[in-house]
Amino acid sequence: MSGGAYLLFRRFGCLWALPAKHVTAIFSGPKPEIHLSHATVPADEIVGVCAELQRVNPARTLGAFWPYPCQGLGVFAKEPMVVLLPDALPPLLCKGEP
């Protein structure tokens, strides 16, 4: 399953993806941030935009470890990621440093 353009970013040592069409602003610098219409997501690094990310639906097994709805799982440069749903962001990703 493909899904269009995605903004890739690192947070907590992991790679994440957000549908680029939902991103309203990106602030780079020492504390990068991704702004959506309803949330701000701090990032450790903005990796860039992937024009066409191949993703698959998450298996039931993922639910045992990842309790939030998501668009699926993707791989970029041999690195796995969770493809987030903009309307169901995990609260931890929307907070500053723990």
PDB file of N, CA and C in Angstrom:
ATOM      1  N   MET A   1       0.853  -1.159   0.000  1.00  0.00           N
ATOM      2  CA  MET A   1       0.000   0.000   0.000  1.00  0.00           C
ATOM      3  C   MET A   1       0.905   1.230   0.000  1.00  0.00           C
ATOM      4  N   SER A   2       0.634   2.181  -0.825  1.00  0.00           N
ATOM      5  CA  SER A   2       1.413   3.417  -0.841  1.00  0.00           C
ATOM      6  C   SER A   2       0.557   4.508  -0.236  1.00  0.00           C
ATOM      7  N   GLY A   3       1.159   5.658   0.030  1.00  0.00           N
ATOM      8  CA  GLY A   3       0.380   6.658   0.720  1.00  0.00           C
ATOM      9  C   GLY A   3       0.754   8.094   0.464  1.00  0.00           C
ATOM     10  N   GLY A   4       1.462   8.419  -0.585  1.00  0.00           N
ATOM     11  CA  GLY A   4       1.804   9.808  -0.843  1.00  0.00           C
ATOM     12  C   GLY A   4       3.023  10.261  -0.069  1.00  0.00           C
ATOM     13  N   ALA A   5       3.181  11.590   0.043  1.00  0.00           N
ATOM     14  CA  ALA A   5       4.368  12.179   0.668  1.00  0.00           C
ATOM     15  C   ALA A   5       4.252  12.169   2.193  1.00  0.00           C
ATOM     16  N   TYR A   6       5.366  11.899   2.847  1.00  0.00           N
ATOM     17  CA  TYR A   6       5.426  11.856   4.305  1.00  0.00           C
ATOM     18  C   TYR A   6       6.634  12.633   4.797  1.00  0.00           C
ATOM     19  N   LEU A   7       6.446  13.347   5.901  1.00  0.00           N
ATOM     20  CA  LEU A   7       7.548  14.012   6.581  1.00  0.00           C
ATOM     21  C   LEU A   7       8.152  13.015   7.552  1.00  0.00           C
ATOM     22  N   LEU A   8       9.433  12.763   7.434  1.00  0.00           N
ATOM     23  CA  LEU A   8      10.130  11.812   8.299  1.00  0.00           C
ATOM     24  C   LEU A   8      10.913  12.589   9.352  1.00  0.00           C
ATOM     25  N   PHE A   9      10.838  12.110  10.591  1.00  0.00           N
ATOM     26  CA  PHE A   9      11.572  12.779  11.668  1.00  0.00           C
ATOM     27  C   PHE A   9      12.001  11.758  12.708  1.00  0.00           C
ATOM     28  N   ARG A  10      12.994  12.133  13.477  1.00  0.00           N
ATOM     29  CA  ARG A  10      13.478  11.277  14.559  1.00  0.00           C
ATOM     30  C   ARG A  10      13.033  11.866  15.884  1.00  0.00           C
ATOM     31  N   ARG A  11      12.636  10.964  16.770  1.00  0.00           N
ATOM     32  CA  ARG A  11      12.266  11.344  18.136  1.00  0.00           C
ATOM     33  C   ARG A  11      12.474  10.125  19.011  1.00  0.00           C
ATOM     34  N   PHE A  12      13.136  10.330  20.147  1.00  0.00           N
ATOM     35  CA  PHE A  12      13.415   9.249  21.093  1.00  0.00           C
ATOM     36  C   PHE A  12      14.189   8.102  20.441  1.00  0.00           C
ATOM     37  N   GLY A  13      15.066   8.420  19.502  1.00  0.00           N
ATOM     38  CA  GLY A  13      15.892   7.407  18.853  1.00  0.00           C
ATOM     39  C   GLY A  13      15.188   6.601  17.778  1.00  0.00           C
ATOM     40  N   CYS A  14      13.949   6.954  17.456  1.00  0.00           N
ATOM     41  CA  CYS A  14      13.177   6.209  16.451  1.00  0.00           C
ATOM     42  C   CYS A  14      12.841   7.104  15.266  1.00  0.00           C
ATOM     43  N   LEU A  15      12.579   6.472  14.143  1.00  0.00           N
ATOM     44  CA  LEU A  15      12.134   7.179  12.949  1.00  0.00           C
ATOM     45  C   LEU A  15      10.618   7.110  12.896  1.00  0.00           C
ATOM     46  N   TRP A  16       9.978   8.259  12.592  1.00  0.00           N
ATOM     47  CA  TRP A  16       8.529   8.384  12.529  1.00  0.00           C
ATOM     48  C   TRP A  16       8.154   9.055  11.219  1.00  0.00           C
ATOM     49  N   ALA A  17       6.910   8.885  10.807  1.00  0.00           N
ATOM     50  CA  ALA A  17       6.426   9.535   9.591  1.00  0.00           C
ATOM     51  C   ALA A  17       5.055  10.146   9.855  1.00  0.00           C
ATOM     52  N   LEU A  18       4.854  11.336   9.283  1.00  0.00           N
ATOM     53  CA  LEU A  18       3.556  12.015   9.317  1.00  0.00           C
ATOM     54  C   LEU A  18       3.163  12.351   7.884  1.00  0.00           C
ATOM     55  N   PRO A  19       1.893  12.226   7.524  1.00  0.00           N
ATOM     56  CA  PRO A  19       1.477  12.638   6.185  1.00  0.00           C
ATOM     57  C   PRO A  19       1.811  14.125   5.989  1.00  0.00           C
ATOM     58  N   ALA A  20       2.580  14.425   4.966  1.00  0.00           N
ATOM     59  CA  ALA A  20       3.054  15.794   4.745  1.00  0.00           C
ATOM     60  C   ALA A  20       1.912  16.786   4.548  1.00  0.00           C
ATOM     61  N   LYS A  21       0.795  16.347   4.011  1.00  0.00           N
ATOM     62  CA  LYS A  21      -0.307  17.271   3.740  1.00  0.00           C
ATOM     63  C   LYS A  21      -0.921  17.831   5.021  1.00  0.00           C
ATOM     64  N   HIS A  22      -0.645  17.222   6.173  1.00  0.00           N
ATOM     65  CA  HIS A  22      -1.180  17.697   7.451  1.00  0.00           C
ATOM     66  C   HIS A  22      -0.215  18.615   8.187  1.00  0.00           C
ATOM     67  N   VAL A  23       1.008  18.765   7.693  1.00  0.00           N
ATOM     68  CA  VAL A  23       2.011  19.607   8.343  1.00  0.00           C
ATOM     69  C   VAL A  23       1.781  21.050   7.912  1.00  0.00           C
ATOM     70  N   THR A  24       1.629  21.947   8.900  1.00  0.00           N
ATOM     71  CA  THR A  24       1.399  23.362   8.587  1.00  0.00           C
ATOM     72  C   THR A  24       2.677  24.189   8.661  1.00  0.00           C
ATOM     73  N   ALA A  25       3.655  23.751   9.457  1.00  0.00           N
ATOM     74  CA  ALA A  25       4.930  24.476   9.568  1.00  0.00           C
ATOM     75  C   ALA A  25       5.989  23.552  10.150  1.00  0.00           C
ATOM     76  N   ILE A  26       7.236  23.839   9.801  1.00  0.00           N
ATOM     77  CA  ILE A  26       8.381  23.114  10.342  1.00  0.00           C
ATOM     78  C   ILE A  26       9.377  24.158  10.826  1.00  0.00           C
ATOM     79  N   PHE A  27       9.821  24.015  12.063  1.00  0.00           N
ATOM     80  CA  PHE A  27      10.822  24.911  12.610  1.00  0.00           C
ATOM     81  C   PHE A  27      12.076  24.097  12.886  1.00  0.00           C
ATOM     82  N   SER A  28      13.175  24.456  12.238  1.00  0.00           N
ATOM     83  CA  SER A  28      14.439  23.745  12.448  1.00  0.00           C
ATOM     84  C   SER A  28      15.249  24.506  13.490  1.00  0.00           C
ATOM     85  N   GLY A  29      16.418  24.037  13.746  1.00  0.00           N
ATOM     86  CA  GLY A  29      17.273  24.656  14.743  1.00  0.00           C
ATOM     87  C   GLY A  29      17.623  23.660  15.820  1.00  0.00           C
ATOM     88  N   PRO A  30      18.084  24.151  16.977  1.00  0.00           N
ATOM     89  CA  PRO A  30      18.504  23.223  18.031  1.00  0.00           C
ATOM     90  C   PRO A  30      17.349  22.389  18.601  1.00  0.00           C
ATOM     91  N   LYS A  31      16.117  22.901  18.527  1.00  0.00           N
ATOM     92  CA  LYS A  31      14.941  22.156  18.998  1.00  0.00           C
ATOM     93  C   LYS A  31      13.885  22.161  17.901  1.00  0.00           C
ATOM     94  N   PRO A  32      14.037  21.300  16.893  1.00  0.00           N
ATOM     95  CA  PRO A  32      13.075  21.291  15.784  1.00  0.00           C
ATOM     96  C   PRO A  32      11.660  20.972  16.257  1.00  0.00           C
ATOM     97  N   GLU A  33      10.682  21.553  15.550  1.00  0.00           N
ATOM     98  CA  GLU A  33       9.280  21.292  15.834  1.00  0.00           C
ATOM     99  C   GLU A  33       8.512  21.128  14.534  1.00  0.00           C
ATOM    100  N   ILE A  34       7.509  20.268  14.598  1.00  0.00           N
ATOM    101  CA  ILE A  34       6.596  20.058  13.479  1.00  0.00           C
ATOM    102  C   ILE A  34       5.227  20.535  13.956  1.00  0.00           C
ATOM    103  N   HIS A  35       4.626  21.432  13.185  1.00  0.00           N
ATOM    104  CA  HIS A  35       3.318  21.960  13.568  1.00  0.00           C
ATOM    105  C   HIS A  35       2.237  21.380  12.663  1.00  0.00           C
ATOM    106  N   LEU A  36       1.190  20.898  13.306  1.00  0.00           N
ATOM    107  CA  LEU A  36      -0.020  20.463  12.628  1.00  0.00           C
ATOM    108  C   LEU A  36      -1.107  21.454  13.036  1.00  0.00           C
ATOM    109  N   SER A  37      -2.267  21.381  12.449  1.00  0.00           N
ATOM    110  CA  SER A  37      -3.322  22.335  12.786  1.00  0.00           C
ATOM    111  C   SER A  37      -3.733  22.255  14.258  1.00  0.00           C
ATOM    112  N   HIS A  38      -3.567  21.113  14.900  1.00  0.00           N
ATOM    113  CA  HIS A  38      -4.050  20.902  16.255  1.00  0.00           C
ATOM    114  C   HIS A  38      -2.984  20.458  17.251  1.00  0.00           C
ATOM    115  N   ALA A  39      -1.733  20.338  16.815  1.00  0.00           N
ATOM    116  CA  ALA A  39      -0.689  19.825  17.709  1.00  0.00           C
ATOM    117  C   ALA A  39       0.687  20.292  17.251  1.00  0.00           C
ATOM    118  N   THR A  40       1.609  20.293  18.195  1.00  0.00           N
ATOM    119  CA  THR A  40       3.013  20.552  17.914  1.00  0.00           C
ATOM    120  C   THR A  40       3.798  19.322  18.340  1.00  0.00           C
ATOM    121  N   VAL A  41       4.640  18.844  17.431  1.00  0.00           N
ATOM    122  CA  VAL A  41       5.429  17.640  17.695  1.00  0.00           C
ATOM    123  C   VAL A  41       6.905  18.030  17.730  1.00  0.00           C
ATOM    124  N   PRO A  42       7.547  17.972  18.912  1.00  0.00           N
ATOM    125  CA  PRO A  42       8.984  18.210  18.973  1.00  0.00           C
ATOM    126  C   PRO A  42       9.715  17.070  18.261  1.00  0.00           C
ATOM    127  N   ALA A  43      10.850  17.381  17.668  1.00  0.00           N
ATOM    128  CA  ALA A  43      11.640  16.352  16.979  1.00  0.00           C
ATOM    129  C   ALA A  43      13.097  16.480  17.401  1.00  0.00           C
ATOM    130  N   ASP A  44      13.790  15.377  17.354  1.00  0.00           N
ATOM    131  CA  ASP A  44      15.235  15.417  17.566  1.00  0.00           C
ATOM    132  C   ASP A  44      15.930  15.824  16.267  1.00  0.00           C
ATOM    133  N   GLU A  45      15.337  15.413  15.152  1.00  0.00           N
ATOM    134  CA  GLU A  45      15.891  15.711  13.819  1.00  0.00           C
ATOM    135  C   GLU A  45      14.770  15.618  12.792  1.00  0.00           C
ATOM    136  N   ILE A  46      14.753  16.580  11.866  1.00  0.00           N
ATOM    137  CA  ILE A  46      13.858  16.495  10.714  1.00  0.00           C
ATOM    138  C   ILE A  46      14.660  15.806   9.617  1.00  0.00           C
ATOM    139  N   VAL A  47      14.243  14.619   9.222  1.00  0.00           N
ATOM    140  CA  VAL A  47      14.982  13.842   8.222  1.00  0.00           C
ATOM    141  C   VAL A  47      14.690  14.366   6.819  1.00  0.00           C
ATOM    142  N   GLY A  48      13.430  14.667   6.523  1.00  0.00           N
ATOM    143  CA  GLY A  48      13.054  15.184   5.209  1.00  0.00           C
ATOM    144  C   GLY A  48      11.711  14.628   4.777  1.00  0.00           C
ATOM    145  N   VAL A  49      11.394  14.866   3.524  1.00  0.00           N
ATOM    146  CA  VAL A  49      10.130  14.398   2.960  1.00  0.00           C
ATOM    147  C   VAL A  49      10.412  13.244   2.020  1.00  0.00           C
ATOM    148  N   CYS A  50       9.660  12.189   2.193  1.00  0.00           N
ATOM    149  CA  CYS A  50       9.726  11.034   1.303  1.00  0.00           C
ATOM    150  C   CYS A  50       8.518  11.144   0.383  1.00  0.00           C
ATOM    151  N   ALA A  51       8.752  11.302  -0.909  1.00  0.00           N
ATOM    152  CA  ALA A  51       7.663  11.552  -1.861  1.00  0.00           C
ATOM    153  C   ALA A  51       6.678  10.400  -1.951  1.00  0.00           C
ATOM    154  N   GLU A  52       7.121   9.205  -1.819  1.00  0.00           N
ATOM    155  CA  GLU A  52       6.226   8.038  -1.926  1.00  0.00           C
ATOM    156  C   GLU A  52       6.740   6.965  -0.979  1.00  0.00           C
ATOM    157  N   LEU A  53       6.112   6.837   0.143  1.00  0.00           N
ATOM    158  CA  LEU A  53       6.521   5.874   1.161  1.00  0.00           C
ATOM    159  C   LEU A  53       5.674   4.616   1.036  1.00  0.00           C
ATOM    160  N   GLN A  54       6.319   3.509   0.857  1.00  0.00           N
ATOM    161  CA  GLN A  54       5.614   2.234   0.841  1.00  0.00           C
ATOM    162  C   GLN A  54       5.334   1.851   2.292  1.00  0.00           C
ATOM    163  N   ARG A  55       4.090   1.540   2.581  1.00  0.00           N
ATOM    164  CA  ARG A  55       3.732   1.162   3.936  1.00  0.00           C
ATOM    165  C   ARG A  55       2.811  -0.046   3.905  1.00  0.00           C
ATOM    166  N   VAL A  56       2.772  -0.735   5.016  1.00  0.00           N
ATOM    167  CA  VAL A  56       1.903  -1.897   5.169  1.00  0.00           C
ATOM    168  C   VAL A  56       1.062  -1.702   6.415  1.00  0.00           C
ATOM    169  N   ASN A  57      -0.095  -2.350   6.442  1.00  0.00           N
ATOM    170  CA  ASN A  57      -0.939  -2.286   7.629  1.00  0.00           C
ATOM    171  C   ASN A  57      -0.220  -2.961   8.790  1.00  0.00           C
ATOM    172  N   PRO A  58      -0.393  -2.410   9.991  1.00  0.00           N
ATOM    173  CA  PRO A  58       0.260  -3.042  11.142  1.00  0.00           C
ATOM    174  C   PRO A  58      -0.396  -4.375  11.457  1.00  0.00           C
ATOM    175  N   ALA A  59       0.387  -5.320  11.816  1.00  0.00           N
ATOM    176  CA  ALA A  59      -0.142  -6.635  12.198  1.00  0.00           C
ATOM    177  C   ALA A  59      -0.721  -6.545  13.602  1.00  0.00           C
ATOM    178  N   ARG A  60      -1.523  -7.514  13.960  1.00  0.00           N
ATOM    179  CA  ARG A  60      -2.094  -7.543  15.308  1.00  0.00           C
ATOM    180  C   ARG A  60      -1.009  -7.544  16.376  1.00  0.00           C
ATOM    181  N   THR A  61       0.104  -8.130  16.057  1.00  0.00           N
ATOM    182  CA  THR A  61       1.196  -8.209  17.011  1.00  0.00           C
ATOM    183  C   THR A  61       1.650  -6.818  17.441  1.00  0.00           C
ATOM    184  N   LEU A  62       1.629  -5.855  16.512  1.00  0.00           N
ATOM    185  CA  LEU A  62       2.048  -4.494  16.857  1.00  0.00           C
ATOM    186  C   LEU A  62       1.167  -3.930  17.958  1.00  0.00           C
ATOM    187  N   GLY A  63      -0.108  -4.263  17.963  1.00  0.00           N
ATOM    188  CA  GLY A  63      -1.028  -3.760  18.973  1.00  0.00           C
ATOM    189  C   GLY A  63      -0.631  -4.112  20.393  1.00  0.00           C
ATOM    190  N   ALA A  64       0.094  -5.190  20.561  1.00  0.00           N
ATOM    191  CA  ALA A  64       0.554  -5.565  21.893  1.00  0.00           C
ATOM    192  C   ALA A  64       1.616  -4.600  22.412  1.00  0.00           C
ATOM    193  N   PHE A  65       2.286  -3.911  21.502  1.00  0.00           N
ATOM    194  CA  PHE A  65       3.365  -3.002  21.873  1.00  0.00           C
ATOM    195  C   PHE A  65       3.044  -1.541  21.573  1.00  0.00           C
ATOM    196  N   TRP A  66       2.110  -1.296  20.678  1.00  0.00           N
ATOM    197  CA  TRP A  66       1.788   0.056  20.221  1.00  0.00           C
ATOM    198  C   TRP A  66       0.272   0.246  20.319  1.00  0.00           C
ATOM    199  N   PRO A  67      -0.206   0.867  21.394  1.00  0.00           N
ATOM    200  CA  PRO A  67      -1.655   0.938  21.627  1.00  0.00           C
ATOM    201  C   PRO A  67      -2.393   2.048  20.870  1.00  0.00           C
ATOM    202  N   TYR A  68      -1.704   2.791  20.014  1.00  0.00           N
ATOM    203  CA  TYR A  68      -2.322   3.912  19.306  1.00  0.00           C
ATOM    204  C   TYR A  68      -2.647   3.535  17.861  1.00  0.00           C
ATOM    205  N   PRO A  69      -3.736   4.064  17.320  1.00  0.00           N
ATOM    206  CA  PRO A  69      -4.016   3.817  15.903  1.00  0.00           C
ATOM    207  C   PRO A  69      -2.931   4.461  15.042  1.00  0.00           C
ATOM    208  N   CYS A  70      -2.628   3.833  13.930  1.00  0.00           N
ATOM    209  CA  CYS A  70      -1.625   4.382  13.017  1.00  0.00           C
ATOM    210  C   CYS A  70      -1.996   3.994  11.586  1.00  0.00           C
ATOM    211  N   GLN A  71      -1.335   4.634  10.617  1.00  0.00           N
ATOM    212  CA  GLN A  71      -1.573   4.300   9.209  1.00  0.00           C
ATOM    213  C   GLN A  71      -0.879   3.017   8.805  1.00  0.00           C
ATOM    214  N   GLY A  72       0.113   2.636   9.549  1.00  0.00           N
ATOM    215  CA  GLY A  72       0.830   1.413   9.227  1.00  0.00           C
ATOM    216  C   GLY A  72       2.299   1.515   9.578  1.00  0.00           C
ATOM    217  N   LEU A  73       3.059   0.634   8.997  1.00  0.00           N
ATOM    218  CA  LEU A  73       4.502   0.591   9.179  1.00  0.00           C
ATOM    219  C   LEU A  73       5.169   0.857   7.842  1.00  0.00           C
ATOM    220  N   GLY A  74       6.289   1.535   7.891  1.00  0.00           N
ATOM    221  CA  GLY A  74       7.030   1.821   6.668  1.00  0.00           C
ATOM    222  C   GLY A  74       8.503   1.525   6.872  1.00  0.00           C
ATOM    223  N   VAL A  75       9.246   1.556   5.789  1.00  0.00           N
ATOM    224  CA  VAL A  75      10.696   1.375   5.837  1.00  0.00           C
ATOM    225  C   VAL A  75      11.319   2.436   4.950  1.00  0.00           C
ATOM    226  N   PHE A  76      12.332   3.117   5.473  1.00  0.00           N
ATOM    227  CA  PHE A  76      13.073   4.124   4.716  1.00  0.00           C
ATOM    228  C   PHE A  76      14.552   3.865   4.966  1.00  0.00           C
ATOM    229  N   ALA A  77      15.314   3.683   3.912  1.00  0.00           N
ATOM    230  CA  ALA A  77      16.745   3.397   4.015  1.00  0.00           C
ATOM    231  C   ALA A  77      17.005   2.256   5.010  1.00  0.00           C
ATOM    232  N   LYS A  78      16.233   1.194   4.887  1.00  0.00           N
ATOM    233  CA  LYS A  78      16.343  -0.023   5.700  1.00  0.00           C
ATOM    234  C   LYS A  78      16.014   0.204   7.173  1.00  0.00           C
ATOM    235  N   GLU A  79      15.378   1.329   7.498  1.00  0.00           N
ATOM    236  CA  GLU A  79      15.011   1.615   8.877  1.00  0.00           C
ATOM    237  C   GLU A  79      13.488   1.616   9.019  1.00  0.00           C
ATOM    238  N   PRO A  80      12.959   0.844   9.964  1.00  0.00           N
ATOM    239  CA  PRO A  80      11.502   0.784  10.130  1.00  0.00           C
ATOM    240  C   PRO A  80      10.971   2.024  10.834  1.00  0.00           C
ATOM    241  N   MET A  81       9.687   2.290  10.603  1.00  0.00           N
ATOM    242  CA  MET A  81       9.042   3.429  11.256  1.00  0.00           C
ATOM    243  C   MET A  81       7.563   3.158  11.407  1.00  0.00           C
ATOM    244  N   VAL A  82       6.954   3.884  12.332  1.00  0.00           N
ATOM    245  CA  VAL A  82       5.505   3.895  12.466  1.00  0.00           C
ATOM    246  C   VAL A  82       5.011   5.109  11.691  1.00  0.00           C
ATOM    247  N   VAL A  83       4.008   4.888  10.844  1.00  0.00           N
ATOM    248  CA  VAL A  83       3.393   5.975  10.079  1.00  0.00           C
ATOM    249  C   VAL A  83       2.194   6.440  10.901  1.00  0.00           C
ATOM    250  N   LEU A  84       2.326   7.627  11.475  1.00  0.00           N
ATOM    251  CA  LEU A  84       1.355   8.143  12.425  1.00  0.00           C
ATOM    252  C   LEU A  84       0.092   8.659  11.759  1.00  0.00           C
ATOM    253  N   LEU A  85      -0.994   8.620  12.502  1.00  0.00           N
ATOM    254  CA  LEU A  85      -2.245   9.265  12.104  1.00  0.00           C
ATOM    255  C   LEU A  85      -2.244  10.654  12.737  1.00  0.00           C
ATOM    256  N   PRO A  86      -2.370  11.717  11.966  1.00  0.00           N
ATOM    257  CA  PRO A  86      -2.324  13.061  12.539  1.00  0.00           C
ATOM    258  C   PRO A  86      -3.378  13.303  13.616  1.00  0.00           C
ATOM    259  N   ASP A  87      -4.526  12.659  13.522  1.00  0.00           N
ATOM    260  CA  ASP A  87      -5.585  12.862  14.510  1.00  0.00           C
ATOM    261  C   ASP A  87      -5.503  11.915  15.699  1.00  0.00           C
ATOM    262  N   ALA A  88      -4.493  11.060  15.732  1.00  0.00           N
ATOM    263  CA  ALA A  88      -4.345  10.109  16.837  1.00  0.00           C
ATOM    264  C   ALA A  88      -2.878  10.035  17.276  1.00  0.00           C
ATOM    265  N   LEU A  89      -2.266  11.206  17.462  1.00  0.00           N
ATOM    266  CA  LEU A  89      -0.860  11.228  17.856  1.00  0.00           C
ATOM    267  C   LEU A  89      -0.694  10.740  19.289  1.00  0.00           C
ATOM    268  N   PRO A  90       0.319   9.929  19.547  1.00  0.00           N
ATOM    269  CA  PRO A  90       0.583   9.508  20.921  1.00  0.00           C
ATOM    270  C   PRO A  90       0.920  10.741  21.761  1.00  0.00           C
ATOM    271  N   PRO A  91       0.334  10.890  22.930  1.00  0.00           N
ATOM    272  CA  PRO A  91       0.589  12.064  23.746  1.00  0.00           C
ATOM    273  C   PRO A  91       2.068  12.299  24.039  1.00  0.00           C
ATOM    274  N   LEU A  92       2.834  11.238  24.219  1.00  0.00           N
ATOM    275  CA  LEU A  92       4.258  11.393  24.518  1.00  0.00           C
ATOM    276  C   LEU A  92       5.001  12.116  23.395  1.00  0.00           C
ATOM    277  N   LEU A  93       4.596  11.890  22.144  1.00  0.00           N
ATOM    278  CA  LEU A  93       5.270  12.566  21.028  1.00  0.00           C
ATOM    279  C   LEU A  93       4.928  14.047  20.950  1.00  0.00           C
ATOM    280  N   CYS A  94       3.855  14.463  21.578  1.00  0.00           N
ATOM    281  CA  CYS A  94       3.436  15.866  21.533  1.00  0.00           C
ATOM    282  C   CYS A  94       3.966  16.675  22.698  1.00  0.00           C
ATOM    283  N   LYS A  95       4.705  16.054  23.584  1.00  0.00           N
ATOM    284  CA  LYS A  95       5.268  16.745  24.744  1.00  0.00           C
ATOM    285  C   LYS A  95       6.727  17.071  24.487  1.00  0.00           C
ATOM    286  N   GLY A  96       7.268  17.925  25.329  1.00  0.00           N
ATOM    287  CA  GLY A  96       8.693  18.229  25.285  1.00  0.00           C
ATOM    288  C   GLY A  96       9.491  17.089  25.872  1.00  0.00           C
ATOM    289  N   GLU A  97      10.687  17.369  26.249  1.00  0.00           N
ATOM    290  CA  GLU A  97      11.544  16.335  26.825  1.00  0.00           C
ATOM    291  C   GLU A  97      10.906  15.754  28.087  1.00  0.00           C
ATOM    292  N   PRO A  98      10.999  14.428  28.262  1.00  0.00           N
ATOM    293  CA  PRO A  98      10.427  13.812  29.471  1.00  0.00           C
ATOM    294  C   PRO A  98      11.213  14.188  30.704  1.00  0.00           C
TER     295      PRO A  98
END
